[in-house]
């Protein structure tokens, strides 16, 4: 009887949080304004607080007039001062942890500060909220009668000048509350293994005999683990291994290209998929309804949000707006001010609002990862949805893909060149290409205009990648596993050319 009682008590405790969530649903803009002023008051006597005279800032307008929008490069000198031991630089409590991140592709590492407040009031609070919202929507859930199989990063924490750095997942696991560790698998020791190719069999060995009721991790890498688990056990689907599975909490990359593959290995129409939106800089949004692709923007995690409309991004007309000014279905770059001392920081992601009451969003891509060489404004959300539709209509599965422009030369028109690794090939690659192109035109009017009568863009080009091409490319970049992602779109050809150069070489 112990497990049902634990499940009932945990469910009751977590659902109490729903009443607090309802507060920011009712007063979203007021909650955000108050949060901003609290952040400013907290950091008044830091180096950055004195630089911008935080003590005299009384309004959002004054805040925007004093504090510029920043990138990592702008904040790096202050972050480096803290990494060498100086404190009270951009936040008033000690910063001991730094989430090491290279984003999706940058070679240069970023060290994102993680404060105690960010751990407790953002990341861990969000983990509990995720469960609260899920349980509120699924009254019969037996989630806590088993464990959550988590798949995080592949780097342990390293110490330097009495500060610690590593993947965000390593920081979270290292500081994990007892309740979370008790309900998770594999063990912390296995979760923090650095070598991805040794880590996979270790995870399988530890988890196949557990009662796993949920998964949590990035869809692309989780799929690798799940397929390997089926191979090792000889089972045809995951429910034969873990019969009590009920939900997969996923984030990091779009789920659309992988949805049909998951349905095949989880053949249960009642199985739930819940999306989250988090990053090294913070936890931002959670799916709050069953069978939805919209994410509720969480407004009381110590993060103040601003937005830059992408139609003016990077131009002299660029403007920054607050939450109360956003519009539906416009593409925005996100700017955040956080309880870890990131002030008006551009995280590089783009989103669009699908609802304004409450504020719900969808992640549409990255500010740097789109293609706009010919005025087509192609974003990752477009290509992910187009790939998903082409796969469904041709009974095909895709492992990964990337897209780059073919630049105009002389009288030759431009084009988009794709590298796609298929799990199983379409019967007719020409049909697949046509569906992909037609779907992109239906989703993006700018792309459609450039493709009309091949006016600017010729038909797209598809290169069929050899088996494991993307895996080998990531391995060569030392980016196997966990939170690392393939760059989907680029305005340059460097990623595509690197992949093409590896197309006929085998990494051992």
Protein backbone atom coordinates (compact mmCIF):
# COMPACT_ATOMS: atom_id res chain seq x y z
CA UNK A 1 0.00 0.00 0.00
CA UNK A 2 3.01 2.30 0.42
CA UNK A 3 3.30 3.32 -3.22
CA UNK A 4 -0.37 4.30 -3.72
CA UNK A 5 -0.19 6.38 -0.51
CA UNK A 6 3.00 8.10 -1.70
CA UNK A 7 1.33 8.76 -5.04
CA UNK A 8 -1.74 10.27 -3.36
CA UNK A 9 0.25 12.47 -0.96
CA UNK A 10 2.64 13.71 -3.68
CA UNK A 11 -0.29 14.48 -5.96
CA UNK A 12 -2.08 16.45 -3.22
CA UNK A 13 1.02 18.51 -2.35
CA UNK A 14 1.84 19.35 -5.96
CA UNK A 15 -1.71 20.33 -6.91
CA UNK A 16 -1.74 22.99 -4.17
CA UNK A 17 0.56 25.03 -6.42
CA UNK A 18 -2.23 25.40 -8.99
CA UNK A 19 -3.77 28.20 -6.90
CA UNK A 20 -0.55 30.22 -7.11
CA UNK A 21 -0.37 29.68 -10.87
CA UNK A 22 -3.91 31.01 -11.12
CA UNK A 23 -2.69 34.29 -9.57
CA UNK A 24 -0.32 35.13 -12.43
CA UNK A 25 -2.91 33.87 -14.92
CA UNK A 26 -5.30 36.49 -13.56
CA UNK A 27 -2.78 39.34 -13.14
CA UNK A 28 0.07 38.53 -15.57
CA UNK A 29 1.32 42.03 -16.31
CA UNK A 30 1.12 43.17 -12.70
CA UNK A 31 3.08 40.09 -11.57
CA UNK A 32 5.77 40.82 -14.16
CA UNK A 33 6.07 44.52 -13.25
CA UNK A 34 6.40 43.73 -9.55
CA UNK A 35 8.96 41.02 -10.30
CA UNK A 36 11.13 43.44 -12.31
CA UNK A 37 11.19 46.03 -9.52
CA UNK A 38 12.10 43.32 -6.99
CA UNK A 39 15.02 42.20 -9.19
CA UNK A 40 16.24 45.80 -9.47
CA UNK A 41 15.96 46.38 -5.69
CA UNK A 42 17.81 43.12 -5.00
CA UNK A 43 20.77 44.09 -7.20
CA UNK A 44 21.03 47.79 -6.22
CA UNK A 45 24.46 47.47 -4.61
CA UNK A 46 26.08 45.15 -7.14
CA UNK A 47 28.65 46.40 -9.62
CA UNK A 48 26.07 46.50 -12.40
CA UNK A 49 23.45 48.00 -10.05
CA UNK A 50 25.75 50.91 -9.23
CA UNK A 51 26.76 51.31 -12.88
CA UNK A 52 23.14 51.91 -13.92
CA UNK A 53 22.02 53.51 -10.63
CA UNK A 54 19.41 50.87 -9.88
CA UNK A 55 18.54 52.61 -6.60
CA UNK A 56 16.83 55.45 -8.48
CA UNK A 57 14.92 53.28 -11.00
CA UNK A 58 11.21 53.37 -10.18
CA UNK A 59 9.60 52.21 -13.44
CA UNK A 60 9.98 49.99 -16.47
CA UNK A 61 10.51 53.06 -18.63
CA UNK A 62 13.50 54.19 -16.54
CA UNK A 63 14.88 50.64 -16.62
CA UNK A 64 14.83 50.54 -20.42
CA UNK A 65 16.40 53.99 -20.70
CA UNK A 66 19.34 53.01 -18.46
CA UNK A 67 20.06 49.35 -19.16
CA UNK A 68 20.92 48.29 -22.72
CA UNK A 69 19.86 45.00 -24.33
CA UNK A 70 22.85 42.67 -24.10
CA UNK A 71 24.37 39.54 -25.60
CA UNK A 72 26.69 37.05 -23.92
CA UNK A 73 29.67 38.88 -25.38
CA UNK A 74 28.51 42.07 -23.68
CA UNK A 75 28.22 40.38 -20.27
CA UNK A 76 31.26 38.13 -20.56
CA UNK A 77 33.72 40.47 -18.78
CA UNK A 78 31.43 40.61 -15.73
CA UNK A 79 30.87 36.85 -15.82
CA UNK A 80 34.61 36.22 -15.98
CA UNK A 81 35.15 38.41 -12.91
CA UNK A 82 32.75 36.20 -11.00
CA UNK A 83 34.32 33.01 -12.33
CA UNK A 84 37.66 34.12 -10.90
CA UNK A 85 36.14 34.57 -7.45
CA UNK A 86 34.74 38.11 -7.30
CA UNK A 87 31.15 38.32 -6.07
CA UNK A 88 28.38 40.93 -5.97
CA UNK A 89 29.12 41.78 -9.60
CA UNK A 90 25.74 41.31 -11.29
CA UNK A 91 23.80 39.55 -8.51
CA UNK A 92 23.83 40.08 -4.76
CA UNK A 93 24.15 36.44 -3.62
CA UNK A 94 27.18 34.22 -4.37
CA UNK A 95 27.27 32.67 -7.85
CA UNK A 96 28.92 29.26 -7.46
CA UNK A 97 27.64 27.47 -10.55
CA UNK A 98 27.97 28.19 -14.26
CA UNK A 99 26.11 26.24 -16.92
CA UNK A 100 28.63 25.63 -19.67
CA UNK A 101 26.94 25.94 -23.01
CA UNK A 102 28.00 26.47 -26.58
CA UNK A 103 24.42 27.01 -27.67
CA UNK A 104 23.60 24.83 -30.64
CA UNK A 105 26.74 25.35 -32.66
CA UNK A 106 29.12 28.01 -31.35
CA UNK A 107 32.64 26.72 -30.84
CA UNK A 108 33.28 29.16 -28.01
CA UNK A 109 31.89 28.05 -24.67
CA UNK A 110 29.49 30.23 -22.74
CA UNK A 111 29.36 30.15 -18.93
CA UNK A 112 25.83 31.07 -17.89
CA UNK A 113 25.56 32.07 -14.20
CA UNK A 114 23.24 29.96 -12.05
CA UNK A 115 22.32 31.44 -8.67
CA UNK A 116 20.77 29.67 -5.70
CA UNK A 117 17.59 31.64 -6.43
CA UNK A 118 17.58 30.43 -10.03
CA UNK A 119 17.98 26.84 -8.89
CA UNK A 120 15.26 26.96 -6.25
CA UNK A 121 12.76 29.50 -7.61
CA UNK A 122 13.11 28.75 -11.31
CA UNK A 123 14.50 25.34 -12.31
CA UNK A 124 13.30 23.22 -9.40
CA UNK A 125 10.08 25.18 -9.03
CA UNK A 126 9.41 24.54 -12.72
CA UNK A 127 10.02 20.81 -12.29
CA UNK A 128 7.36 20.72 -9.58
CA UNK A 129 5.02 22.90 -11.65
CA UNK A 130 5.38 20.56 -14.61
CA UNK A 131 4.16 17.73 -12.42
CA UNK A 132 1.45 19.92 -10.86
CA UNK A 133 -0.03 20.86 -14.23
CA UNK A 134 0.17 17.30 -15.52
CA UNK A 135 -1.49 15.85 -12.42
CA UNK A 136 -4.17 18.55 -12.47
CA UNK A 137 -5.11 17.43 -15.98
CA UNK A 138 -4.81 13.70 -15.31
CA UNK A 139 -6.70 12.85 -12.13
CA UNK A 140 -6.12 9.08 -12.42
CA UNK A 141 -2.33 9.39 -12.82
CA UNK A 142 -0.15 6.83 -11.05
CA UNK A 143 3.03 8.76 -11.81
CA UNK A 144 4.57 8.38 -8.36
CA UNK A 145 4.07 4.64 -8.13
CA UNK A 146 7.19 4.44 -10.32
CA UNK A 147 10.18 6.49 -11.45
CA UNK A 148 11.06 9.00 -14.12
CA UNK A 149 13.77 7.96 -16.58
CA UNK A 150 15.78 11.13 -17.11
CA UNK A 151 18.30 11.68 -19.88
CA UNK A 152 20.43 14.76 -19.29
CA UNK A 153 23.84 16.00 -20.39
CA UNK A 154 27.06 14.05 -20.52
CA UNK A 155 29.43 16.29 -18.59
CA UNK A 156 30.34 16.19 -14.92
CA UNK A 157 30.93 19.35 -12.91
CA UNK A 158 34.43 20.80 -12.87
CA UNK A 159 35.85 23.13 -10.22
CA UNK A 160 37.74 26.32 -10.99
CA UNK A 161 38.50 29.11 -8.46
CA UNK A 162 35.96 27.61 -6.07
CA UNK A 163 33.23 27.85 -8.71
CA UNK A 164 31.76 24.93 -10.62
CA UNK A 165 30.83 24.56 -14.26
CA UNK A 166 29.27 21.88 -16.44
CA UNK A 167 26.06 21.07 -18.30
CA UNK A 168 22.98 22.58 -16.68
CA UNK A 169 21.66 19.04 -16.16
CA UNK A 170 24.81 18.19 -14.20
CA UNK A 171 24.29 21.24 -11.96
CA UNK A 172 20.66 20.28 -11.41
CA UNK A 173 21.50 16.67 -10.62
CA UNK A 174 24.35 17.68 -8.28
CA UNK A 175 21.99 19.93 -6.28
CA UNK A 176 18.88 17.80 -6.71
CA UNK A 177 16.37 17.73 -3.84
CA UNK A 178 15.92 14.35 -2.14
CA UNK A 179 12.34 14.04 -3.45
CA UNK A 180 13.56 14.33 -7.04
CA UNK A 181 16.46 11.90 -6.63
CA UNK A 182 14.19 9.35 -4.96
CA UNK A 183 11.77 9.39 -7.89
CA UNK A 184 14.36 9.32 -10.71
CA UNK A 185 16.41 6.74 -12.57
CA UNK A 186 19.22 6.09 -13.48
CA UNK A 187 21.42 6.90 -10.48
CA UNK A 188 23.29 10.19 -10.26
CA UNK A 189 26.54 8.33 -10.92
CA UNK A 190 25.30 7.00 -14.26
CA UNK A 191 23.44 10.21 -15.15
CA UNK A 192 26.69 12.19 -14.86
CA UNK A 193 28.87 9.82 -16.91
CA UNK A 194 30.88 11.84 -19.43
CA UNK A 195 31.31 9.22 -22.16
CA UNK A 196 28.04 9.04 -24.09
CA UNK A 197 28.74 5.69 -25.77
CA UNK A 198 29.44 4.05 -22.39
CA UNK A 199 26.58 5.89 -20.73
CA UNK A 200 23.84 4.42 -22.96
CA UNK A 201 24.40 0.74 -21.97
CA UNK A 202 24.83 1.79 -18.33
CA UNK A 203 21.44 3.57 -18.39
CA UNK A 204 19.78 0.57 -20.02
CA UNK A 205 21.31 -1.80 -17.48
CA UNK A 206 20.03 0.29 -14.55
CA UNK A 207 16.57 1.11 -15.83
CA UNK A 208 15.12 -1.96 -17.58
CA UNK A 209 14.24 -3.57 -14.24
CA UNK A 210 12.74 -0.39 -12.74
CA UNK A 211 9.06 0.53 -12.80
CA UNK A 212 9.41 3.54 -15.10
CA UNK A 213 6.26 5.64 -15.42
CA UNK A 214 7.66 8.66 -17.29
CA UNK A 215 10.52 9.87 -19.48
CA UNK A 216 12.25 13.26 -19.47
CA UNK A 217 14.78 14.43 -22.06
CA UNK A 218 15.54 15.77 -25.54
CA UNK A 219 13.51 13.87 -28.20
CA UNK A 220 16.38 13.17 -30.60
CA UNK A 221 18.70 11.67 -27.98
CA UNK A 222 15.90 9.95 -26.06
CA UNK A 223 14.93 8.20 -29.29
CA UNK A 224 18.49 6.89 -29.63
CA UNK A 225 18.29 5.50 -26.08
CA UNK A 226 14.83 4.01 -26.58
CA UNK A 227 15.72 2.27 -29.84
CA UNK A 228 18.88 0.87 -28.28
CA UNK A 229 16.83 -0.38 -25.31
CA UNK A 230 14.47 -2.22 -27.67
CA UNK A 231 17.45 -3.71 -29.49
CA UNK A 232 19.08 -4.93 -26.26
CA UNK A 233 15.89 -6.38 -24.78
CA UNK A 234 14.51 -7.81 -28.02
CA UNK A 235 11.14 -6.18 -27.37
CA UNK A 236 8.99 -4.59 -30.07
CA UNK A 237 7.75 -1.61 -28.04
CA UNK A 238 8.55 0.17 -24.78
CA UNK A 239 5.34 -0.86 -23.04
CA UNK A 240 6.61 -4.45 -23.04
CA UNK A 241 9.53 -3.25 -20.88
CA UNK A 242 7.72 -0.60 -18.81
CA UNK A 243 3.97 -1.38 -18.84
CA UNK A 244 3.08 1.54 -16.55
CA UNK A 245 4.50 4.29 -18.77
CA UNK A 246 2.10 7.23 -19.00
CA UNK A 247 3.92 10.43 -20.06
CA UNK A 248 7.02 11.79 -21.80
CA UNK A 249 8.22 15.27 -20.74
CA UNK A 250 10.27 16.61 -23.64
CA UNK A 251 12.05 19.79 -24.72
CA UNK A 252 15.21 21.11 -26.34
CA UNK A 253 14.21 20.50 -29.96
CA UNK A 254 10.91 20.37 -31.80
CA UNK A 255 9.00 17.15 -31.26
CA UNK A 256 7.28 17.26 -34.65
CA UNK A 257 9.91 15.37 -36.73
CA UNK A 258 9.92 12.55 -34.16
CA UNK A 259 6.25 12.28 -33.15
CA UNK A 260 5.33 9.38 -35.45
CA UNK A 261 8.43 7.41 -34.44
CA UNK A 262 7.46 7.70 -30.76
CA UNK A 263 3.91 6.59 -31.50
CA UNK A 264 5.29 3.37 -33.02
CA UNK A 265 7.37 2.45 -29.97
CA UNK A 266 4.68 3.67 -27.52
CA UNK A 267 1.50 2.14 -28.99
CA UNK A 268 -0.94 3.49 -26.43
CA UNK A 269 -3.46 6.11 -27.52
CA UNK A 270 -3.72 7.33 -23.92
CA UNK A 271 0.01 8.02 -23.56
CA UNK A 272 0.68 11.72 -22.93
CA UNK A 273 3.37 13.99 -24.34
CA UNK A 274 4.14 17.16 -22.36
CA UNK A 275 6.48 19.79 -23.77
CA UNK A 276 8.70 22.11 -21.76
CA UNK A 277 10.79 25.11 -22.76
CA UNK A 278 13.94 25.59 -20.71
CA UNK A 279 17.56 26.55 -21.27
CA UNK A 280 20.74 27.22 -19.31
CA UNK A 281 19.44 30.75 -18.70
CA UNK A 282 16.17 29.66 -17.13
CA UNK A 283 12.93 27.70 -17.34
CA UNK A 284 10.37 29.59 -19.37
CA UNK A 285 7.22 27.70 -20.32
CA UNK A 286 5.29 24.48 -19.76
CA UNK A 287 2.51 22.74 -21.67
CA UNK A 288 -0.50 23.14 -19.40
CA UNK A 289 -3.15 21.20 -21.34
CA UNK A 290 -3.37 17.62 -22.57
CA UNK A 291 -2.85 17.08 -26.31
CA UNK A 292 -1.67 20.65 -26.94
CA UNK A 293 1.31 22.19 -28.68
CA UNK A 294 1.01 25.48 -26.78
CA UNK A 295 3.15 26.30 -23.75
CA UNK A 296 2.07 28.44 -20.81
CA UNK A 297 4.59 31.23 -20.19
CA UNK A 298 5.52 30.97 -16.49
CA UNK A 299 5.62 34.46 -15.02
CA UNK A 300 6.73 34.00 -11.40
CA UNK A 301 10.11 32.27 -11.75
CA UNK A 302 12.25 35.36 -11.20
CA UNK A 303 12.40 36.08 -14.94
CA UNK A 304 11.16 39.33 -16.47
CA UNK A 305 10.34 39.06 -20.17
CA UNK A 306 10.73 41.48 -23.05
CA UNK A 307 10.41 40.85 -26.77
CA UNK A 308 11.88 42.14 -30.03
CA UNK A 309 9.62 41.80 -33.11
CA UNK A 310 11.64 39.86 -35.67
CA UNK A 311 10.50 42.10 -38.52
CA UNK A 312 12.72 44.84 -37.03
CA UNK A 313 15.35 42.65 -35.33
CA UNK A 314 18.89 43.81 -36.02
CA UNK A 315 17.78 46.91 -37.91
CA UNK A 316 17.94 50.59 -36.92
CA UNK A 317 14.16 50.34 -36.35
CA UNK A 318 14.54 47.53 -33.80
CA UNK A 319 12.27 48.02 -30.81
CA UNK A 320 11.85 46.17 -27.52
CA UNK A 321 8.40 45.67 -26.01
CA UNK A 322 7.09 44.18 -22.77
CA UNK A 323 4.61 41.38 -22.31
CA UNK A 324 1.52 43.61 -22.29
CA UNK A 325 2.34 44.82 -25.83
CA UNK A 326 2.77 41.50 -27.67
CA UNK A 327 0.47 40.40 -30.49
CA UNK A 328 -0.74 37.01 -31.65
CA UNK A 329 1.21 35.03 -34.24
CA UNK A 330 4.09 37.49 -34.59
CA UNK A 331 7.64 36.17 -34.36
CA UNK A 332 9.62 37.61 -31.42
CA UNK A 333 13.16 37.31 -30.11
CA UNK A 334 13.16 36.87 -26.32
CA UNK A 335 14.98 39.23 -23.94
CA UNK A 336 15.18 38.20 -20.27
CA UNK A 337 16.17 39.75 -16.94
CA UNK A 338 16.71 37.04 -14.32
CA UNK A 339 17.35 36.17 -10.68
CA UNK A 340 20.83 35.01 -11.69
CA UNK A 341 21.92 38.48 -12.80
CA UNK A 342 21.28 38.42 -16.55
CA UNK A 343 20.07 41.94 -17.37
CA UNK A 344 18.10 42.44 -20.60
CA UNK A 345 19.83 39.41 -22.08
CA UNK A 346 19.00 38.05 -25.54
CA UNK A 347 18.93 34.26 -25.30
CA UNK A 348 18.82 33.75 -29.07
CA UNK A 349 15.44 32.01 -29.25
CA UNK A 350 12.36 33.12 -31.14
CA UNK A 351 8.76 32.46 -30.14
CA UNK A 352 5.25 33.41 -31.19
CA UNK A 353 2.18 33.87 -29.03
CA UNK A 354 -0.78 31.58 -29.66
CA UNK A 355 -2.87 33.05 -26.83
CA UNK A 356 -2.83 36.33 -24.90
CA UNK A 357 -5.19 35.25 -22.10
CA UNK A 358 -3.40 33.39 -20.73
CA UNK A 359 -0.05 34.00 -22.40
CA UNK A 360 0.79 30.84 -24.32
CA UNK A 361 3.63 30.46 -26.80
CA UNK A 362 5.30 28.16 -29.28
CA UNK A 363 9.04 28.12 -29.89
CA UNK A 364 9.64 29.03 -33.53
CA UNK A 365 13.43 28.88 -33.82
CA UNK A 366 16.65 30.74 -33.17
CA UNK A 367 17.60 34.30 -34.09
CA UNK A 368 20.74 32.94 -35.75
CA UNK A 369 19.18 29.79 -37.19
CA UNK A 370 16.93 30.81 -40.02
CA UNK A 371 17.42 31.35 -43.74
CA UNK A 372 16.80 34.79 -45.14
CA UNK A 373 19.29 35.03 -47.99
CA UNK A 374 16.62 35.73 -50.59
CA UNK A 375 13.94 37.37 -48.42
CA UNK A 376 12.24 34.03 -47.72
CA UNK A 377 12.37 34.28 -43.87
CA UNK A 378 12.37 30.51 -43.40
CA UNK A 379 12.32 29.47 -39.73
CA UNK A 380 12.81 26.17 -37.94
CA UNK A 381 9.12 25.88 -37.08
CA UNK A 382 8.37 25.86 -40.84
CA UNK A 383 10.90 23.18 -41.70
CA UNK A 384 10.06 20.94 -38.74
CA UNK A 385 6.36 20.96 -39.63
CA UNK A 386 7.09 20.38 -43.32
CA UNK A 387 9.39 17.44 -42.56
CA UNK A 388 6.74 15.93 -40.27
CA UNK A 389 4.05 16.18 -42.97
CA UNK A 390 6.29 14.79 -45.71
CA UNK A 391 7.23 11.85 -43.48
CA UNK A 392 3.60 11.10 -42.63
CA UNK A 393 2.41 11.21 -46.25
CA UNK A 394 5.26 9.02 -47.53
CA UNK A 395 5.44 6.63 -44.55
CA UNK A 396 9.02 7.75 -43.92
CA UNK A 397 11.05 8.47 -40.81
CA UNK A 398 13.80 11.10 -40.53
CA UNK A 399 16.63 10.96 -38.00
CA UNK A 400 18.03 14.47 -38.59
CA UNK A 401 18.39 17.21 -41.15
CA UNK A 402 20.01 20.57 -41.89
CA UNK A 403 19.40 23.20 -44.57
CA UNK A 404 21.64 25.81 -46.17
CA UNK A 405 21.29 28.27 -49.07
CA UNK A 406 22.72 27.79 -52.54
CA UNK A 407 23.86 31.29 -53.41
CA UNK A 408 23.13 32.93 -56.76
CA UNK A 409 26.00 32.86 -59.23
CA UNK A 410 25.75 34.87 -62.41
CA UNK A 411 22.38 34.11 -63.95
CA UNK A 412 21.89 31.02 -61.79
CA UNK A 413 19.08 31.37 -59.28
CA UNK A 414 19.34 30.48 -55.63
CA UNK A 415 17.98 27.40 -53.87
CA UNK A 416 17.82 25.62 -50.53
CA UNK A 417 19.99 22.55 -50.14
CA UNK A 418 19.00 19.91 -47.59
CA UNK A 419 20.96 17.10 -45.99
CA UNK A 420 18.51 14.51 -44.61
CA UNK A 421 19.30 11.27 -42.82
CA UNK A 422 16.39 8.86 -43.17
CA UNK A 423 15.66 5.99 -40.83
CA UNK A 424 13.76 4.44 -43.70
CA UNK A 425 13.84 5.92 -47.19
CA UNK A 426 10.75 7.15 -49.00
CA UNK A 427 9.78 4.97 -51.96
CA UNK A 428 10.07 7.99 -54.21
CA UNK A 429 12.45 10.78 -53.15
CA UNK A 430 10.96 13.08 -55.82
CA UNK A 431 7.51 12.78 -54.24
CA UNK A 432 9.00 13.45 -50.81
CA UNK A 433 10.76 16.56 -52.12
CA UNK A 434 7.57 17.84 -53.75
CA UNK A 435 5.51 17.41 -50.57
CA UNK A 436 8.25 19.11 -48.55
CA UNK A 437 8.40 22.05 -50.95
CA UNK A 438 4.61 22.41 -51.25
CA UNK A 439 4.20 22.31 -47.46
CA UNK A 440 6.85 24.97 -46.94
CA UNK A 441 5.03 27.20 -49.43
CA UNK A 442 1.74 26.67 -47.62
CA UNK A 443 3.35 27.56 -44.27
CA UNK A 444 5.44 30.55 -45.35
CA UNK A 445 4.14 33.15 -47.80
CA UNK A 446 7.59 34.73 -48.25
CA UNK A 447 9.06 31.38 -49.27
CA UNK A 448 6.05 30.80 -51.55
CA UNK A 449 6.62 34.15 -53.27
CA UNK A 450 10.29 33.38 -53.93
CA UNK A 451 9.42 29.91 -55.25
CA UNK A 452 6.56 31.11 -57.49
CA UNK A 453 7.48 30.09 -61.04
CA UNK A 454 11.06 29.58 -59.74
CA UNK A 455 11.24 33.38 -59.70
CA UNK A 456 14.06 33.62 -57.15
CA UNK A 457 14.45 30.13 -55.76
CA UNK A 458 14.85 26.95 -57.78
CA UNK A 459 13.31 23.73 -56.38
CA UNK A 460 14.99 22.54 -53.22
CA UNK A 461 17.85 20.05 -53.39
CA UNK A 462 17.94 16.96 -51.17
CA UNK A 463 21.13 15.10 -50.27
CA UNK A 464 20.44 11.72 -48.68
CA UNK A 465 22.86 11.36 -45.77
CA UNK A 466 24.62 8.07 -45.11
CA UNK A 467 23.79 6.18 -41.94
CA UNK A 468 25.13 7.89 -38.78
CA UNK A 469 26.37 10.97 -40.64
CA UNK A 470 24.93 13.44 -38.11
CA UNK A 471 26.01 11.26 -35.18
CA UNK A 472 29.57 11.14 -36.54
CA UNK A 473 29.57 14.91 -37.11
CA UNK A 474 28.49 15.55 -33.50
CA UNK A 475 31.06 13.05 -32.24
CA UNK A 476 33.82 14.87 -34.13
CA UNK A 477 32.61 18.11 -32.49
CA UNK A 478 32.63 16.40 -29.04
CA UNK A 479 28.89 17.04 -28.80
CA UNK A 480 27.39 13.60 -28.35
CA UNK A 481 24.34 13.22 -26.16
CA UNK A 482 22.25 15.18 -23.73
CA UNK A 483 21.55 18.75 -24.73
CA UNK A 484 23.46 19.01 -28.02
CA UNK A 485 21.49 19.68 -31.18
CA UNK A 486 21.98 19.70 -34.93
CA UNK A 487 21.79 23.24 -36.42
CA UNK A 488 18.65 23.02 -38.55
CA UNK A 489 18.98 26.21 -40.60
CA UNK A 490 21.85 28.51 -41.47
CA UNK A 491 22.43 31.52 -43.73
CA UNK A 492 25.89 30.09 -44.46
CA UNK A 493 27.03 26.78 -45.93
CA UNK A 494 29.74 25.79 -43.42
CA UNK A 495 27.71 23.13 -41.54
CA UNK A 496 26.40 21.61 -44.75
CA UNK A 497 29.85 21.57 -46.37
CA UNK A 498 31.34 19.84 -43.29
CA UNK A 499 28.63 17.20 -43.46
CA UNK A 500 29.12 16.73 -47.20
CA UNK A 501 32.86 16.27 -46.67
CA UNK A 502 32.08 13.49 -44.16
CA UNK A 503 29.41 11.89 -46.31
CA UNK A 504 31.65 9.12 -47.58
CA UNK A 505 33.99 8.84 -44.61
CA UNK A 506 33.30 6.53 -41.68
CA UNK A 507 34.30 7.61 -38.18
CA UNK A 508 35.61 4.74 -36.08
